Amino acid sequence: MSPQTIVVVEPILKSSCTLGEGPLYDPATATLHFVDIVERKVYHFNTVDSSVVTNQYEVPITSIALRQGAPGQLAATTARGFALLNADGSLQYIAEPLEEKFAPFTRFNDGLCDSKGRYFAGTVYSPEHGIAGKLYKYDPANQTCTIVDEGPFTDSNGLGWSVDEKTFYFTDSFVNLIYMYDYDIEGGTLSNRRTVIDAKQLGYTGFCDGLCIDTEGAIWSARWGDSRICRFIPNSGVADLEIIFPTVLNVTSCCFGGPNNDQLFVTSSHCGAIGGDPCLQTEYPDSGHLFKVDLAGKYKGRERYPFAG
């Protein structure tokens, strides 16, 4: 059976990102935070009055998280590690785990916190330098940063947990796979990695990118190069809904937000990003903008957990 479709054509913000990623909704301030990795920017979009504040950093910010007990403040992964962000564009590293000899050829990418405030994030591969993508965990309880899966992964991407937090999801973009692990929330440990979504086998031509989880446990996976988000059902491994963005080529990530957590915020990238073809921007002119999909009465999502450090 073909999935249902929703078509979205108007961006909520013409952000013109080169590589928009990492949307994060703050219910306390109704602010949608997101990053432009290439331009080293963090955007703060007020979803009530549509005003925007942008902070510029000296290094790429690749993912962000709210901070527990620190309203309005953010934690992040940068290209090199885990950090706390300051509004003036400065940052404070709490862990820089990449080996110095590898740091020029790899970087951190997407990241997310569990309900205990641990920050998980993966790195990207460099096959020409023999560097594999890996999955890391920073635990603020003991201030340690460890590798929790050596991979090898290609472009480590979208992460999330099942509603009961017994299952952890993790995306390996360039092989078009979403993995699932058994997850022990008390110890913060992963085991038994296996494939839950094989997008290539399902006939998709682009790549799995960022994701989020709804209250029913379904996976909302952004599709780089496919102009869409797919709602995958873990038990069946297939999509029952596709949100199509006909004026966008690279849909990069998504998160739920709004007063009732029934609005889906969606980031995207310019067609020329990451070695892409900038000439395609004419065909997909809204690539790089921010979108909102009204899902009221249909689906609800879950709030992102804050970082405990």
Protein backbone atom coordinates (compact mmCIF):
# COMPACT_ATOMS: atom_id res chain seq x y z
CA MET A 1 0.00 0.00 0.00
CA SER A 2 1.33 3.43 -0.94
CA PRO A 3 1.91 5.88 1.91
CA GLN A 4 -0.37 8.86 2.44
CA THR A 5 1.13 12.17 1.36
CA ILE A 6 1.18 15.76 2.57
CA VAL A 7 2.60 18.45 0.27
CA VAL A 8 4.26 21.55 1.76
CA VAL A 9 5.27 24.45 -0.49
CA GLU A 10 5.72 27.55 1.69
CA PRO A 11 8.65 28.01 4.08
CA ILE A 12 7.98 29.60 7.45
CA LEU A 13 11.37 31.33 7.37
CA LYS A 14 13.58 32.09 4.38
CA SER A 15 16.75 31.34 6.30
CA SER A 16 18.85 30.61 3.19
CA CYS A 17 21.07 28.15 5.06
CA THR A 18 23.93 26.45 3.31
CA LEU A 19 23.53 23.39 5.55
CA GLY A 20 20.54 23.85 7.88
CA GLU A 21 20.34 21.13 10.53
CA GLY A 22 19.54 20.26 14.14
CA PRO A 23 16.09 21.83 14.81
CA LEU A 24 15.28 22.06 18.52
CA TYR A 25 12.10 23.52 20.02
CA ASP A 26 12.16 25.19 23.44
CA PRO A 27 8.64 25.07 24.93
CA ALA A 28 9.55 27.61 27.64
CA THR A 29 10.21 30.36 25.11
CA ALA A 30 8.43 29.06 21.98
CA THR A 31 11.79 29.34 20.22
CA LEU A 32 12.94 27.08 17.42
CA HIS A 33 16.72 26.78 17.49
CA PHE A 34 18.62 25.34 14.52
CA VAL A 35 22.11 25.45 13.03
CA ASP A 36 23.86 26.13 9.76
CA ILE A 37 26.88 23.85 10.02
CA VAL A 38 28.82 25.25 7.08
CA GLU A 39 28.26 28.91 8.00
CA ARG A 40 28.96 28.24 11.73
CA LYS A 41 25.69 29.85 12.79
CA VAL A 42 22.98 29.10 15.34
CA TYR A 43 19.52 30.53 14.62
CA HIS A 44 16.90 31.33 17.27
CA PHE A 45 13.48 31.71 15.61
CA ASN A 46 10.61 33.04 17.74
CA THR A 47 7.63 31.01 16.57
CA VAL A 48 5.16 33.55 18.00
CA ASP A 49 6.33 36.79 16.37
CA SER A 50 8.69 35.30 13.71
CA SER A 51 11.67 37.36 14.88
CA VAL A 52 15.12 35.84 14.42
CA VAL A 53 18.38 36.16 16.34
CA THR A 54 21.54 34.63 14.89
CA ASN A 55 24.79 33.84 16.69
CA GLN A 56 28.03 33.38 14.80
CA TYR A 57 30.70 30.98 16.10
CA GLU A 58 34.30 30.40 15.16
CA VAL A 59 33.75 26.67 14.64
CA PRO A 60 30.93 24.66 13.05
CA ILE A 61 28.08 23.86 15.46
CA THR A 62 26.63 20.51 14.40
CA SER A 63 23.88 19.78 16.96
CA ILE A 64 22.32 21.55 19.94
CA ALA A 65 20.49 20.66 23.15
CA LEU A 66 18.70 22.62 25.84
CA ARG A 67 20.43 22.72 29.23
CA GLN A 68 18.72 21.37 32.31
CA GLY A 69 18.28 24.06 34.96
CA ALA A 70 19.69 26.76 32.68
CA PRO A 71 16.79 28.43 30.82
CA GLY A 72 17.70 29.82 27.44
CA GLN A 73 21.15 28.26 27.40
CA LEU A 74 22.36 25.58 25.00
CA ALA A 75 24.82 22.72 24.89
CA ALA A 76 26.16 21.56 21.56
CA THR A 77 28.44 19.42 19.53
CA THR A 78 30.96 21.29 17.45
CA ALA A 79 33.10 19.80 14.73
CA ARG A 80 35.60 18.76 17.42
CA GLY A 81 33.53 17.77 20.45
CA PHE A 82 31.01 18.61 23.14
CA ALA A 83 30.61 22.19 24.37
CA LEU A 84 28.47 24.77 26.16
CA LEU A 85 27.44 27.73 23.99
CA ASN A 86 27.52 31.38 24.97
CA ALA A 87 25.27 33.91 23.28
CA ASP A 88 28.23 36.12 22.37
CA GLY A 89 29.60 33.48 20.01
CA SER A 90 32.11 32.00 22.45
CA LEU A 91 31.96 28.46 23.73
CA GLN A 92 33.37 26.28 26.49
CA TYR A 93 34.52 22.80 25.56
CA ILE A 94 33.71 19.99 27.97
CA ALA A 95 35.21 17.22 25.79
CA GLU A 96 37.33 17.14 22.63
CA PRO A 97 37.73 13.40 22.03
CA LEU A 98 38.98 13.40 18.42
CA GLU A 99 42.60 12.44 17.98
CA GLU A 100 44.63 15.43 16.80
CA LYS A 101 45.90 13.61 13.72
CA PHE A 102 42.34 12.76 12.64
CA ALA A 103 40.62 16.05 13.53
CA PRO A 104 41.25 17.75 10.14
CA PHE A 105 39.55 14.88 8.30
CA THR A 106 36.47 14.08 10.40
CA ARG A 107 33.98 15.91 12.59
CA PHE A 108 31.02 15.40 14.85
CA ASN A 109 27.61 15.56 13.23
CA ASP A 110 24.15 14.98 14.73
CA GLY A 111 23.56 14.51 18.46
CA LEU A 112 20.77 14.06 21.04
CA CYS A 113 20.31 13.61 24.79
CA ASP A 114 18.53 10.81 26.63
CA SER A 115 16.23 11.40 29.61
CA LYS A 116 19.18 11.24 32.01
CA GLY A 117 20.82 14.13 30.16
CA ARG A 118 23.58 12.11 28.50
CA TYR A 119 24.64 13.52 25.12
CA PHE A 120 25.08 11.02 22.27
CA ALA A 121 26.66 12.12 18.98
CA GLY A 122 28.32 10.52 15.99
CA THR A 123 31.16 11.44 13.67
CA VAL A 124 31.57 11.31 9.88
CA TYR A 125 33.94 9.09 7.98
CA SER A 126 36.88 9.91 5.73
CA PRO A 127 37.52 6.80 3.63
CA GLU A 128 40.57 8.32 1.92
CA HIS A 129 42.21 8.71 5.35
CA GLY A 130 40.96 5.40 6.76
CA ILE A 131 38.76 7.12 9.37
CA ALA A 132 35.45 5.50 10.29
CA GLY A 133 32.45 7.28 11.73
CA LYS A 134 31.89 6.40 15.40
CA LEU A 135 29.22 6.94 18.02
CA TYR A 136 30.19 8.77 21.22
CA LYS A 137 28.53 9.48 24.58
CA TYR A 138 29.26 12.32 26.97
CA ASP A 139 27.95 11.55 30.47
CA PRO A 140 27.74 14.68 32.66
CA ALA A 141 27.21 12.55 35.78
CA ASN A 142 30.88 11.56 35.76
CA GLN A 143 32.14 14.00 33.08
CA THR A 144 33.38 11.23 30.81
CA CYS A 145 33.33 10.94 27.02
CA THR A 146 33.45 7.42 25.60
CA ILE A 147 33.02 5.63 22.28
CA VAL A 148 29.89 3.48 22.54
CA ASP A 149 30.04 2.01 19.02
CA GLU A 150 33.19 1.90 16.90
CA GLY A 151 31.10 1.46 13.75
CA PRO A 152 32.43 1.70 11.13
CA PHE A 153 29.79 4.26 10.09
CA THR A 154 29.74 6.62 7.11
CA ASP A 155 27.88 9.83 7.99
CA SER A 156 26.55 9.41 11.53
CA ASN A 157 23.17 11.07 11.68
CA GLY A 158 19.62 11.13 13.13
CA LEU A 159 19.25 9.69 16.63
CA GLY A 160 16.26 8.98 18.86
CA TRP A 161 14.67 6.73 21.45
CA SER A 162 11.49 4.72 21.54
CA VAL A 163 8.75 5.98 23.84
CA ASP A 164 9.80 3.58 26.63
CA GLU A 165 13.52 4.33 25.98
CA LYS A 166 14.28 0.64 25.67
CA THR A 167 15.28 1.10 22.02
CA PHE A 168 17.79 3.56 20.56
CA TYR A 169 17.76 4.56 16.87
CA PHE A 170 20.80 5.76 14.94
CA THR A 171 21.23 6.68 11.27
CA ASP A 172 24.12 5.76 8.97
CA SER A 173 23.36 8.09 6.07
CA PHE A 174 25.47 7.02 3.12
CA VAL A 175 24.48 3.36 3.40
CA ASN A 176 20.83 4.47 3.80
CA LEU A 177 20.25 2.56 7.02
CA ILE A 178 18.63 3.32 10.35
CA TYR A 179 19.80 1.01 13.11
CA MET A 180 18.15 0.04 16.36
CA TYR A 181 19.84 -1.02 19.60
CA ASP A 182 18.65 -2.37 22.90
CA TYR A 183 19.08 0.49 25.37
CA ASP A 184 19.62 0.39 29.13
CA ILE A 185 18.50 3.80 30.39
CA GLU A 186 19.97 3.31 33.86
CA GLY A 187 23.46 2.56 32.62
CA GLY A 188 23.25 4.44 29.34
CA THR A 189 24.52 1.39 27.44
CA LEU A 190 23.78 0.08 23.94
CA SER A 191 23.72 -3.50 22.70
CA ASN A 192 22.50 -5.70 19.86
CA ARG A 193 22.75 -3.32 16.89
CA ARG A 194 20.57 -4.36 13.93
CA THR A 195 18.82 -2.70 10.98
CA VAL A 196 15.30 -1.34 11.45
CA ILE A 197 14.98 0.69 8.21
CA ASP A 198 16.76 -0.16 4.93
CA ALA A 199 15.73 2.80 2.78
CA LYS A 200 17.60 1.66 -0.31
CA GLN A 201 15.78 -1.66 -0.25
CA LEU A 202 12.52 0.28 0.04
CA GLY A 203 13.35 2.06 -3.23
CA TYR A 204 14.43 5.50 -2.00
CA THR A 205 17.19 7.14 -4.02
CA GLY A 206 18.43 9.78 -1.56
CA PHE A 207 19.82 9.30 1.94
CA CYS A 208 18.46 9.05 5.48
CA ASP A 209 19.29 12.23 7.42
CA GLY A 210 18.02 13.62 10.74
CA LEU A 211 15.01 12.15 12.53
CA CYS A 212 12.56 12.52 15.38
CA ILE A 213 10.07 10.21 17.12
CA ASP A 214 6.33 10.71 17.68
CA THR A 215 4.20 9.63 20.62
CA GLU A 216 3.25 6.41 18.80
CA GLY A 217 6.91 5.45 18.42
CA ALA A 218 7.12 6.05 14.67
CA ILE A 219 10.34 7.39 13.12
CA TRP A 220 10.15 10.63 11.10
CA SER A 221 13.22 10.50 8.86
CA ALA A 222 14.33 13.43 6.69
CA ARG A 223 15.51 12.44 3.23
CA TRP A 224 18.56 14.15 1.72
CA GLY A 225 18.08 14.27 -2.05
CA ASP A 226 14.51 12.95 -1.88
CA SER A 227 12.52 16.16 -1.15
CA ARG A 228 10.61 14.50 1.68
CA ILE A 229 10.22 13.20 5.21
CA CYS A 230 9.08 9.61 5.71
CA ARG A 231 7.16 8.36 8.73
CA PHE A 232 8.51 4.84 9.21
CA ILE A 233 6.79 2.24 11.40
CA PRO A 234 9.53 0.29 13.24
CA ASN A 235 7.55 -2.96 13.46
CA SER A 236 7.00 -3.15 9.70
CA GLY A 237 10.02 -1.17 8.48
CA VAL A 238 7.94 0.72 5.89
CA ALA A 239 6.54 4.24 5.58
CA ASP A 240 2.86 5.02 6.06
CA LEU A 241 3.22 8.77 5.42
CA GLU A 242 5.42 11.01 3.28
CA ILE A 243 5.63 14.79 3.57
CA ILE A 244 6.73 16.14 0.20
CA PHE A 245 8.61 19.43 -0.24
CA PRO A 246 8.59 19.94 -4.03
CA THR A 247 10.71 23.12 -3.93
CA VAL A 248 13.43 21.56 -1.73
CA LEU A 249 15.97 18.92 -2.74
CA ASN A 250 17.80 18.18 0.51
CA VAL A 251 15.51 17.84 3.53
CA THR A 252 17.91 17.53 6.45
CA SER A 253 16.15 17.17 9.80
CA CYS A 254 12.93 17.63 11.77
CA CYS A 255 11.55 18.03 15.27
CA PHE A 256 8.16 18.40 16.89
CA GLY A 257 7.20 21.58 18.69
CA GLY A 258 4.49 24.15 19.28
CA PRO A 259 2.19 24.44 22.32
CA ASN A 260 0.75 20.96 21.73
CA ASN A 261 3.82 19.34 20.14
CA ASP A 262 1.86 18.81 16.94
CA GLN A 263 3.88 21.10 14.65
CA LEU A 264 6.76 19.58 12.72
CA PHE A 265 9.68 21.96 12.10
CA VAL A 266 11.88 21.02 9.17
CA THR A 267 15.35 22.21 8.10
CA SER A 268 16.93 21.95 4.67
CA SER A 269 20.15 22.69 2.81
CA HIS A 270 21.22 24.53 -0.32
CA CYS A 271 21.56 22.28 -3.36
CA GLY A 272 25.27 23.07 -3.62
CA ALA A 273 26.10 21.97 -0.06
CA ILE A 274 28.50 19.06 0.61
CA GLY A 275 29.63 18.72 -2.99
CA GLY A 276 26.15 19.10 -4.46
CA ASP A 277 25.16 20.81 -7.70
CA PRO A 278 24.37 24.52 -7.10
CA CYS A 279 22.69 24.68 -10.50
CA LEU A 280 19.81 22.63 -9.07
CA GLN A 281 18.91 25.57 -6.82
CA THR A 282 16.89 27.04 -9.68
CA GLU A 283 14.73 23.91 -9.76
CA TYR A 284 14.51 23.72 -5.95
CA PRO A 285 14.53 27.41 -4.91
CA ASP A 286 13.47 26.90 -1.27
CA SER A 287 16.40 24.62 -0.46
CA GLY A 288 18.03 26.02 2.69
CA HIS A 289 14.82 27.46 4.19
CA LEU A 290 12.90 26.47 7.33
CA PHE A 291 9.45 24.88 7.15
CA LYS A 292 6.60 24.08 9.53
CA VAL A 293 4.04 21.31 8.97
CA ASP A 294 0.76 21.58 10.88
CA LEU A 295 -0.11 18.09 12.13
CA ALA A 296 -2.79 19.11 14.66
CA GLY A 297 -5.32 16.37 15.17
CA LYS A 298 -3.09 13.85 13.39
CA TYR A 299 0.22 13.33 15.17
CA LYS A 300 2.10 14.52 18.21
CA GLY A 301 5.76 14.38 19.02
CA ARG A 302 7.85 14.27 22.16
CA GLU A 303 9.93 17.04 23.66
CA ARG A 304 13.70 16.74 23.32
CA TYR A 305 15.47 15.92 26.57
CA PRO A 306 17.89 18.54 27.94
CA PHE A 307 21.59 18.10 28.62
CA ALA A 308 22.25 17.58 32.33
CA GLY A 309 25.57 19.44 32.40
